[in-house]
Amino acid sequence: MTDLLNYTFKDLFAQLGLPNSEPAIEQFIKQRAAFSFSDFGHDPNWTPAQREFLHTALEEDANWARLIDQLSKRLYNKNKS
């Protein structure tokens, strides 16, 4: 069992029902980062279930929140590192 505090992008992508190999994750990020949405809340490419999971995890400051923040930065904050 994965320690809740040590979730990885692979775990997050699996939770979202997405391919979770390293190449698949990088391809997903590369493709999604091409869009100009400001955050996942405005990105229509997420399914309703994925969007609900992402919002709920952040609102509840769940163990996933750290990874969701990192993913959001990689996808939507192109001018920030």
PDB file of N, CA and C in Angstrom:
ATOM      1  N   MET A   1       0.848  -1.189   0.000  1.00  0.00           N
ATOM      2  CA  MET A   1       0.000   0.000   0.000  1.00  0.00           C
ATOM      3  C   MET A   1       0.886   1.243   0.000  1.00  0.00           C
ATOM      4  N   THR A   2       0.516   2.233  -0.790  1.00  0.00           N
ATOM      5  CA  THR A   2       1.274   3.471  -0.868  1.00  0.00           C
ATOM      6  C   THR A   2       0.991   4.336   0.349  1.00  0.00           C
ATOM      7  N   ASP A   3       2.029   4.854   0.955  1.00  0.00           N
ATOM      8  CA  ASP A   3       1.890   5.799   2.052  1.00  0.00           C
ATOM      9  C   ASP A   3       1.186   7.037   1.504  1.00  0.00           C
ATOM     10  N   LEU A   4       0.122   7.460   2.157  1.00  0.00           N
ATOM     11  CA  LEU A   4      -0.677   8.578   1.660  1.00  0.00           C
ATOM     12  C   LEU A   4       0.139   9.852   1.445  1.00  0.00           C
ATOM     13  N   LEU A   5       1.166  10.041   2.224  1.00  0.00           N
ATOM     14  CA  LEU A   5       1.964  11.249   2.095  1.00  0.00           C
ATOM     15  C   LEU A   5       2.997  11.127   0.984  1.00  0.00           C
ATOM     16  N   ASN A   6       3.145   9.956   0.428  1.00  0.00           N
ATOM     17  CA  ASN A   6       4.142   9.732  -0.607  1.00  0.00           C
ATOM     18  C   ASN A   6       3.520   9.390  -1.956  1.00  0.00           C
ATOM     19  N   TYR A   7       2.313   9.870  -2.205  1.00  0.00           N
ATOM     20  CA  TYR A   7       1.707   9.682  -3.513  1.00  0.00           C
ATOM     21  C   TYR A   7       2.587  10.319  -4.574  1.00  0.00           C
ATOM     22  N   THR A   8       2.554   9.745  -5.755  1.00  0.00           N
ATOM     23  CA  THR A   8       3.315  10.269  -6.884  1.00  0.00           C
ATOM     24  C   THR A   8       2.351  10.655  -7.996  1.00  0.00           C
ATOM     25  N   PHE A   9       2.894  11.275  -9.045  1.00  0.00           N
ATOM     26  CA  PHE A   9       2.068  11.572 -10.210  1.00  0.00           C
ATOM     27  C   PHE A   9       1.470  10.286 -10.777  1.00  0.00           C
ATOM     28  N   LYS A  10       2.229   9.199 -10.728  1.00  0.00           N
ATOM     29  CA  LYS A  10       1.707   7.920 -11.223  1.00  0.00           C
ATOM     30  C   LYS A  10       0.450   7.530 -10.454  1.00  0.00           C
ATOM     31  N   ASP A  11       0.460   7.728  -9.138  1.00  0.00           N
ATOM     32  CA  ASP A  11      -0.705   7.419  -8.310  1.00  0.00           C
ATOM     33  C   ASP A  11      -1.872   8.356  -8.633  1.00  0.00           C
ATOM     34  N   LEU A  12      -1.574   9.634  -8.790  1.00  0.00           N
ATOM     35  CA  LEU A  12      -2.622  10.616  -9.097  1.00  0.00           C
ATOM     36  C   LEU A  12      -3.273  10.304 -10.441  1.00  0.00           C
ATOM     37  N   PHE A  13      -2.469  10.013 -11.449  1.00  0.00           N
ATOM     38  CA  PHE A  13      -3.019   9.708 -12.764  1.00  0.00           C
ATOM     39  C   PHE A  13      -3.860   8.434 -12.718  1.00  0.00           C
ATOM     40  N   ALA A  14      -3.424   7.444 -11.958  1.00  0.00           N
ATOM     41  CA  ALA A  14      -4.226   6.230 -11.801  1.00  0.00           C
ATOM     42  C   ALA A  14      -5.552   6.563 -11.124  1.00  0.00           C
ATOM     43  N   GLN A  15      -5.515   7.405 -10.104  1.00  0.00           N
ATOM     44  CA  GLN A  15      -6.733   7.810  -9.397  1.00  0.00           C
ATOM     45  C   GLN A  15      -7.695   8.529 -10.340  1.00  0.00           C
ATOM     46  N   LEU A  16      -7.153   9.284 -11.278  1.00  0.00           N
ATOM     47  CA  LEU A  16      -7.969  10.015 -12.252  1.00  0.00           C
ATOM     48  C   LEU A  16      -8.407   9.130 -13.423  1.00  0.00           C
ATOM     49  N   GLY A  17      -7.965   7.883 -13.431  1.00  0.00           N
ATOM     50  CA  GLY A  17      -8.340   6.972 -14.503  1.00  0.00           C
ATOM     51  C   GLY A  17      -7.591   7.240 -15.802  1.00  0.00           C
ATOM     52  N   LEU A  18      -6.400   7.789 -15.684  1.00  0.00           N
ATOM     53  CA  LEU A  18      -5.581   8.125 -16.850  1.00  0.00           C
ATOM     54  C   LEU A  18      -4.385   7.180 -16.943  1.00  0.00           C
ATOM     55  N   PRO A  19      -3.852   6.984 -18.150  1.00  0.00           N
ATOM     56  CA  PRO A  19      -2.615   6.205 -18.267  1.00  0.00           C
ATOM     57  C   PRO A  19      -1.550   6.813 -17.356  1.00  0.00           C
ATOM     58  N   ASN A  20      -0.830   5.970 -16.622  1.00  0.00           N
ATOM     59  CA  ASN A  20       0.064   6.518 -15.612  1.00  0.00           C
ATOM     60  C   ASN A  20       1.519   6.088 -15.746  1.00  0.00           C
ATOM     61  N   SER A  21       1.920   5.700 -16.957  1.00  0.00           N
ATOM     62  CA  SER A  21       3.351   5.464 -17.158  1.00  0.00           C
ATOM     63  C   SER A  21       4.042   6.824 -17.256  1.00  0.00           C
ATOM     64  N   GLU A  22       5.336   6.853 -16.998  1.00  0.00           N
ATOM     65  CA  GLU A  22       6.072   8.125 -17.086  1.00  0.00           C
ATOM     66  C   GLU A  22       5.906   8.785 -18.461  1.00  0.00           C
ATOM     67  N   PRO A  23       6.076   8.029 -19.573  1.00  0.00           N
ATOM     68  CA  PRO A  23       5.885   8.660 -20.885  1.00  0.00           C
ATOM     69  C   PRO A  23       4.457   9.185 -21.091  1.00  0.00           C
ATOM     70  N   ALA A  24       3.460   8.444 -20.603  1.00  0.00           N
ATOM     71  CA  ALA A  24       2.073   8.880 -20.759  1.00  0.00           C
ATOM     72  C   ALA A  24       1.806  10.159 -19.966  1.00  0.00           C
ATOM     73  N   ILE A  25       2.368  10.247 -18.768  1.00  0.00           N
ATOM     74  CA  ILE A  25       2.197  11.446 -17.944  1.00  0.00           C
ATOM     75  C   ILE A  25       2.838  12.646 -18.628  1.00  0.00           C
ATOM     76  N   GLU A  26       4.061  12.489 -19.101  1.00  0.00           N
ATOM     77  CA  GLU A  26       4.747  13.603 -19.767  1.00  0.00           C
ATOM     78  C   GLU A  26       4.014  14.025 -21.040  1.00  0.00           C
ATOM     79  N   GLN A  27       3.494  13.062 -21.790  1.00  0.00           N
ATOM     80  CA  GLN A  27       2.737  13.383 -22.999  1.00  0.00           C
ATOM     81  C   GLN A  27       1.456  14.131 -22.647  1.00  0.00           C
ATOM     82  N   PHE A  28       0.767  13.687 -21.609  1.00  0.00           N
ATOM     83  CA  PHE A  28      -0.452  14.349 -21.146  1.00  0.00           C
ATOM     84  C   PHE A  28      -0.159  15.800 -20.780  1.00  0.00           C
ATOM     85  N   ILE A  29       0.896  16.004 -20.005  1.00  0.00           N
ATOM     86  CA  ILE A  29       1.254  17.357 -19.573  1.00  0.00           C
ATOM     87  C   ILE A  29       1.635  18.213 -20.773  1.00  0.00           C
ATOM     88  N   LYS A  30       2.405  17.652 -21.679  1.00  0.00           N
ATOM     89  CA  LYS A  30       2.814  18.394 -22.875  1.00  0.00           C
ATOM     90  C   LYS A  30       1.594  18.804 -23.706  1.00  0.00           C
ATOM     91  N   GLN A  31       0.672  17.896 -23.909  1.00  0.00           N
ATOM     92  CA  GLN A  31      -0.523  18.202 -24.697  1.00  0.00           C
ATOM     93  C   GLN A  31      -1.414  19.216 -23.993  1.00  0.00           C
ATOM     94  N   ARG A  32      -1.652  19.042 -22.721  1.00  0.00           N
ATOM     95  CA  ARG A  32      -2.544  19.936 -21.984  1.00  0.00           C
ATOM     96  C   ARG A  32      -1.936  21.314 -21.775  1.00  0.00           C
ATOM     97  N   ALA A  33      -0.630  21.390 -21.614  1.00  0.00           N
ATOM     98  CA  ALA A  33       0.020  22.682 -21.375  1.00  0.00           C
ATOM     99  C   ALA A  33      -0.087  23.592 -22.591  1.00  0.00           C
ATOM    100  N   ALA A  34      -0.420  23.041 -23.737  1.00  0.00           N
ATOM    101  CA  ALA A  34      -0.573  23.847 -24.945  1.00  0.00           C
ATOM    102  C   ALA A  34      -1.832  24.704 -24.892  1.00  0.00           C
ATOM    103  N   PHE A  35      -2.795  24.345 -24.041  1.00  0.00           N
ATOM    104  CA  PHE A  35      -4.020  25.128 -23.921  1.00  0.00           C
ATOM    105  C   PHE A  35      -3.776  26.354 -23.051  1.00  0.00           C
ATOM    106  N   SER A  36      -4.632  27.334 -23.166  1.00  0.00           N
ATOM    107  CA  SER A  36      -4.418  28.588 -22.438  1.00  0.00           C
ATOM    108  C   SER A  36      -5.325  28.728 -21.224  1.00  0.00           C
ATOM    109  N   PHE A  37      -5.858  27.641 -20.692  1.00  0.00           N
ATOM    110  CA  PHE A  37      -6.713  27.732 -19.520  1.00  0.00           C
ATOM    111  C   PHE A  37      -5.881  28.144 -18.320  1.00  0.00           C
ATOM    112  N   SER A  38      -6.504  28.888 -17.413  1.00  0.00           N
ATOM    113  CA  SER A  38      -5.764  29.398 -16.256  1.00  0.00           C
ATOM    114  C   SER A  38      -5.646  28.369 -15.141  1.00  0.00           C
ATOM    115  N   ASP A  39      -6.564  27.429 -15.076  1.00  0.00           N
ATOM    116  CA  ASP A  39      -6.485  26.371 -14.071  1.00  0.00           C
ATOM    117  C   ASP A  39      -7.415  25.242 -14.462  1.00  0.00           C
ATOM    118  N   PHE A  40      -7.321  24.138 -13.738  1.00  0.00           N
ATOM    119  CA  PHE A  40      -8.115  22.974 -14.111  1.00  0.00           C
ATOM    120  C   PHE A  40      -9.603  23.221 -13.989  1.00  0.00           C
ATOM    121  N   GLY A  41     -10.006  24.179 -13.184  1.00  0.00           N
ATOM    122  CA  GLY A  41     -11.424  24.502 -13.047  1.00  0.00           C
ATOM    123  C   GLY A  41     -12.029  25.053 -14.317  1.00  0.00           C
ATOM    124  N   HIS A  42     -11.194  25.585 -15.181  1.00  0.00           N
ATOM    125  CA  HIS A  42     -11.664  26.137 -16.446  1.00  0.00           C
ATOM    126  C   HIS A  42     -11.296  25.266 -17.635  1.00  0.00           C
ATOM    127  N   ASP A  43     -10.642  24.169 -17.389  1.00  0.00           N
ATOM    128  CA  ASP A  43     -10.201  23.274 -18.455  1.00  0.00           C
ATOM    129  C   ASP A  43     -11.317  22.273 -18.759  1.00  0.00           C
ATOM    130  N   PRO A  44     -11.976  22.398 -19.913  1.00  0.00           N
ATOM    131  CA  PRO A  44     -13.092  21.505 -20.235  1.00  0.00           C
ATOM    132  C   PRO A  44     -12.656  20.084 -20.582  1.00  0.00           C
ATOM    133  N   ASN A  45     -11.374  19.825 -20.641  1.00  0.00           N
ATOM    134  CA  ASN A  45     -10.892  18.498 -20.993  1.00  0.00           C
ATOM    135  C   ASN A  45     -11.007  17.496 -19.850  1.00  0.00           C
ATOM    136  N   TRP A  46     -11.161  17.973 -18.610  1.00  0.00           N
ATOM    137  CA  TRP A  46     -11.381  17.055 -17.495  1.00  0.00           C
ATOM    138  C   TRP A  46     -12.813  16.549 -17.560  1.00  0.00           C
ATOM    139  N   THR A  47     -13.013  15.297 -17.202  1.00  0.00           N
ATOM    140  CA  THR A  47     -14.379  14.778 -17.096  1.00  0.00           C
ATOM    141  C   THR A  47     -15.003  15.381 -15.835  1.00  0.00           C
ATOM    142  N   PRO A  48     -16.325  15.361 -15.732  1.00  0.00           N
ATOM    143  CA  PRO A  48     -16.945  15.862 -14.502  1.00  0.00           C
ATOM    144  C   PRO A  48     -16.434  15.147 -13.250  1.00  0.00           C
ATOM    145  N   ALA A  49     -16.237  13.836 -13.333  1.00  0.00           N
ATOM    146  CA  ALA A  49     -15.749  13.081 -12.166  1.00  0.00           C
ATOM    147  C   ALA A  49     -14.323  13.497 -11.801  1.00  0.00           C
ATOM    148  N   GLN A  50     -13.475  13.697 -12.810  1.00  0.00           N
ATOM    149  CA  GLN A  50     -12.101  14.128 -12.550  1.00  0.00           C
ATOM    150  C   GLN A  50     -12.099  15.521 -11.925  1.00  0.00           C
ATOM    151  N   ARG A  51     -12.892  16.423 -12.491  1.00  0.00           N
ATOM    152  CA  ARG A  51     -12.958  17.794 -11.974  1.00  0.00           C
ATOM    153  C   ARG A  51     -13.450  17.798 -10.531  1.00  0.00           C
ATOM    154  N   GLU A  52     -14.464  16.993 -10.233  1.00  0.00           N
ATOM    155  CA  GLU A  52     -14.987  16.920  -8.862  1.00  0.00           C
ATOM    156  C   GLU A  52     -13.921  16.396  -7.907  1.00  0.00           C
ATOM    157  N   PHE A  53     -13.214  15.345  -8.309  1.00  0.00           N
ATOM    158  CA  PHE A  53     -12.149  14.804  -7.464  1.00  0.00           C
ATOM    159  C   PHE A  53     -11.091  15.869  -7.189  1.00  0.00           C
ATOM    160  N   LEU A  54     -10.649  16.564  -8.232  1.00  0.00           N
ATOM    161  CA  LEU A  54      -9.606  17.586  -8.080  1.00  0.00           C
ATOM    162  C   LEU A  54     -10.064  18.702  -7.147  1.00  0.00           C
ATOM    163  N   HIS A  55     -11.269  19.213  -7.368  1.00  0.00           N
ATOM    164  CA  HIS A  55     -11.791  20.297  -6.518  1.00  0.00           C
ATOM    165  C   HIS A  55     -11.969  19.843  -5.074  1.00  0.00           C
ATOM    166  N   THR A  56     -12.555  18.670  -4.888  1.00  0.00           N
ATOM    167  CA  THR A  56     -12.799  18.171  -3.531  1.00  0.00           C
ATOM    168  C   THR A  56     -11.490  17.947  -2.788  1.00  0.00           C
ATOM    169  N   ALA A  57     -10.527  17.362  -3.450  1.00  0.00           N
ATOM    170  CA  ALA A  57      -9.237  17.109  -2.804  1.00  0.00           C
ATOM    171  C   ALA A  57      -8.579  18.409  -2.367  1.00  0.00           C
ATOM    172  N   LEU A  58      -8.682  19.448  -3.205  1.00  0.00           N
ATOM    173  CA  LEU A  58      -8.088  20.729  -2.825  1.00  0.00           C
ATOM    174  C   LEU A  58      -8.878  21.407  -1.709  1.00  0.00           C
ATOM    175  N   GLU A  59     -10.194  21.396  -1.811  1.00  0.00           N
ATOM    176  CA  GLU A  59     -11.028  22.030  -0.782  1.00  0.00           C
ATOM    177  C   GLU A  59     -10.816  21.399   0.583  1.00  0.00           C
ATOM    178  N   GLU A  60     -10.660  20.080   0.595  1.00  0.00           N
ATOM    179  CA  GLU A  60     -10.488  19.364   1.859  1.00  0.00           C
ATOM    180  C   GLU A  60      -9.025  19.279   2.279  1.00  0.00           C
ATOM    181  N   ASP A  61      -8.143  19.868   1.483  1.00  0.00           N
ATOM    182  CA  ASP A  61      -6.700  19.785   1.723  1.00  0.00           C
ATOM    183  C   ASP A  61      -6.293  18.329   1.946  1.00  0.00           C
ATOM    184  N   ALA A  62      -6.821  17.482   1.093  1.00  0.00           N
ATOM    185  CA  ALA A  62      -6.560  16.043   1.178  1.00  0.00           C
ATOM    186  C   ALA A  62      -5.099  15.749   0.858  1.00  0.00           C
ATOM    187  N   ASN A  63      -4.716  14.510   1.092  1.00  0.00           N
ATOM    188  CA  ASN A  63      -3.339  14.097   0.817  1.00  0.00           C
ATOM    189  C   ASN A  63      -2.954  14.298  -0.641  1.00  0.00           C
ATOM    190  N   TRP A  64      -3.944  14.329  -1.526  1.00  0.00           N
ATOM    191  CA  TRP A  64      -3.686  14.534  -2.948  1.00  0.00           C
ATOM    192  C   TRP A  64      -3.367  15.993  -3.277  1.00  0.00           C
ATOM    193  N   ALA A  65      -3.698  16.924  -2.403  1.00  0.00           N
ATOM    194  CA  ALA A  65      -3.620  18.355  -2.714  1.00  0.00           C
ATOM    195  C   ALA A  65      -2.227  18.794  -3.183  1.00  0.00           C
ATOM    196  N   ARG A  66      -1.189  18.285  -2.552  1.00  0.00           N
ATOM    197  CA  ARG A  66       0.179  18.661  -2.937  1.00  0.00           C
ATOM    198  C   ARG A  66       0.449  18.295  -4.394  1.00  0.00           C
ATOM    199  N   LEU A  67       0.072  17.095  -4.780  1.00  0.00           N
ATOM    200  CA  LEU A  67       0.294  16.657  -6.160  1.00  0.00           C
ATOM    201  C   LEU A  67      -0.592  17.415  -7.144  1.00  0.00           C
ATOM    202  N   ILE A  68      -1.824  17.681  -6.752  1.00  0.00           N
ATOM    203  CA  ILE A  68      -2.717  18.436  -7.633  1.00  0.00           C
ATOM    204  C   ILE A  68      -2.164  19.836  -7.855  1.00  0.00           C
ATOM    205  N   ASP A  69      -1.643  20.458  -6.818  1.00  0.00           N
ATOM    206  CA  ASP A  69      -1.002  21.778  -6.968  1.00  0.00           C
ATOM    207  C   ASP A  69       0.175  21.702  -7.929  1.00  0.00           C
ATOM    208  N   GLN A  70       0.990  20.672  -7.788  1.00  0.00           N
ATOM    209  CA  GLN A  70       2.151  20.519  -8.685  1.00  0.00           C
ATOM    210  C   GLN A  70       1.706  20.302 -10.124  1.00  0.00           C
ATOM    211  N   LEU A  71       0.686  19.481 -10.322  1.00  0.00           N
ATOM    212  CA  LEU A  71       0.178  19.244 -11.669  1.00  0.00           C
ATOM    213  C   LEU A  71      -0.400  20.521 -12.255  1.00  0.00           C
ATOM    214  N   SER A  72      -1.143  21.257 -11.462  1.00  0.00           N
ATOM    215  CA  SER A  72      -1.717  22.516 -11.924  1.00  0.00           C
ATOM    216  C   SER A  72      -0.631  23.496 -12.368  1.00  0.00           C
ATOM    217  N   LYS A  73       0.434  23.579 -11.600  1.00  0.00           N
ATOM    218  CA  LYS A  73       1.544  24.461 -11.977  1.00  0.00           C
ATOM    219  C   LYS A  73       2.177  24.029 -13.290  1.00  0.00           C
ATOM    220  N   ARG A  74       2.348  22.731 -13.466  1.00  0.00           N
ATOM    221  CA  ARG A  74       2.961  22.237 -14.710  1.00  0.00           C
ATOM    222  C   ARG A  74       2.048  22.454 -15.909  1.00  0.00           C
ATOM    223  N   LEU A  75       0.748  22.386 -15.692  1.00  0.00           N
ATOM    224  CA  LEU A  75      -0.191  22.520 -16.803  1.00  0.00           C
ATOM    225  C   LEU A  75      -0.527  23.973 -17.139  1.00  0.00           C
ATOM    226  N   TYR A  76      -0.726  24.798 -16.119  1.00  0.00           N
ATOM    227  CA  TYR A  76      -1.353  26.087 -16.346  1.00  0.00           C
ATOM    228  C   TYR A  76      -0.499  27.308 -16.033  1.00  0.00           C
ATOM    229  N   ASN A  77       0.576  27.165 -15.310  1.00  0.00           N
ATOM    230  CA  ASN A  77       1.413  28.308 -14.965  1.00  0.00           C
ATOM    231  C   ASN A  77       2.709  28.237 -15.769  1.00  0.00           C
ATOM    232  N   LYS A  78       2.575  28.406 -17.030  1.00  0.00           N
ATOM    233  CA  LYS A  78       3.708  28.217 -17.935  1.00  0.00           C
ATOM    234  C   LYS A  78       4.843  29.209 -17.701  1.00  0.00           C
ATOM    235  N   ASN A  79       4.547  30.349 -17.131  1.00  0.00           N
ATOM    236  CA  ASN A  79       5.581  31.370 -16.918  1.00  0.00           C
ATOM    237  C   ASN A  79       6.254  31.244 -15.559  1.00  0.00           C
ATOM    238  N   LYS A  80       5.809  30.279 -14.770  1.00  0.00           N
ATOM    239  CA  LYS A  80       6.387  30.073 -13.438  1.00  0.00           C
ATOM    240  C   LYS A  80       7.062  28.724 -13.399  1.00  0.00           C
ATOM    241  N   SER A  81       8.060  28.572 -12.584  1.00  0.00           N
ATOM    242  CA  SER A  81       8.749  27.283 -12.430  1.00  0.00           C
ATOM    243  C   SER A  81       8.163  26.526 -11.281  1.00  0.00           C
TER     244      SER A  81
END
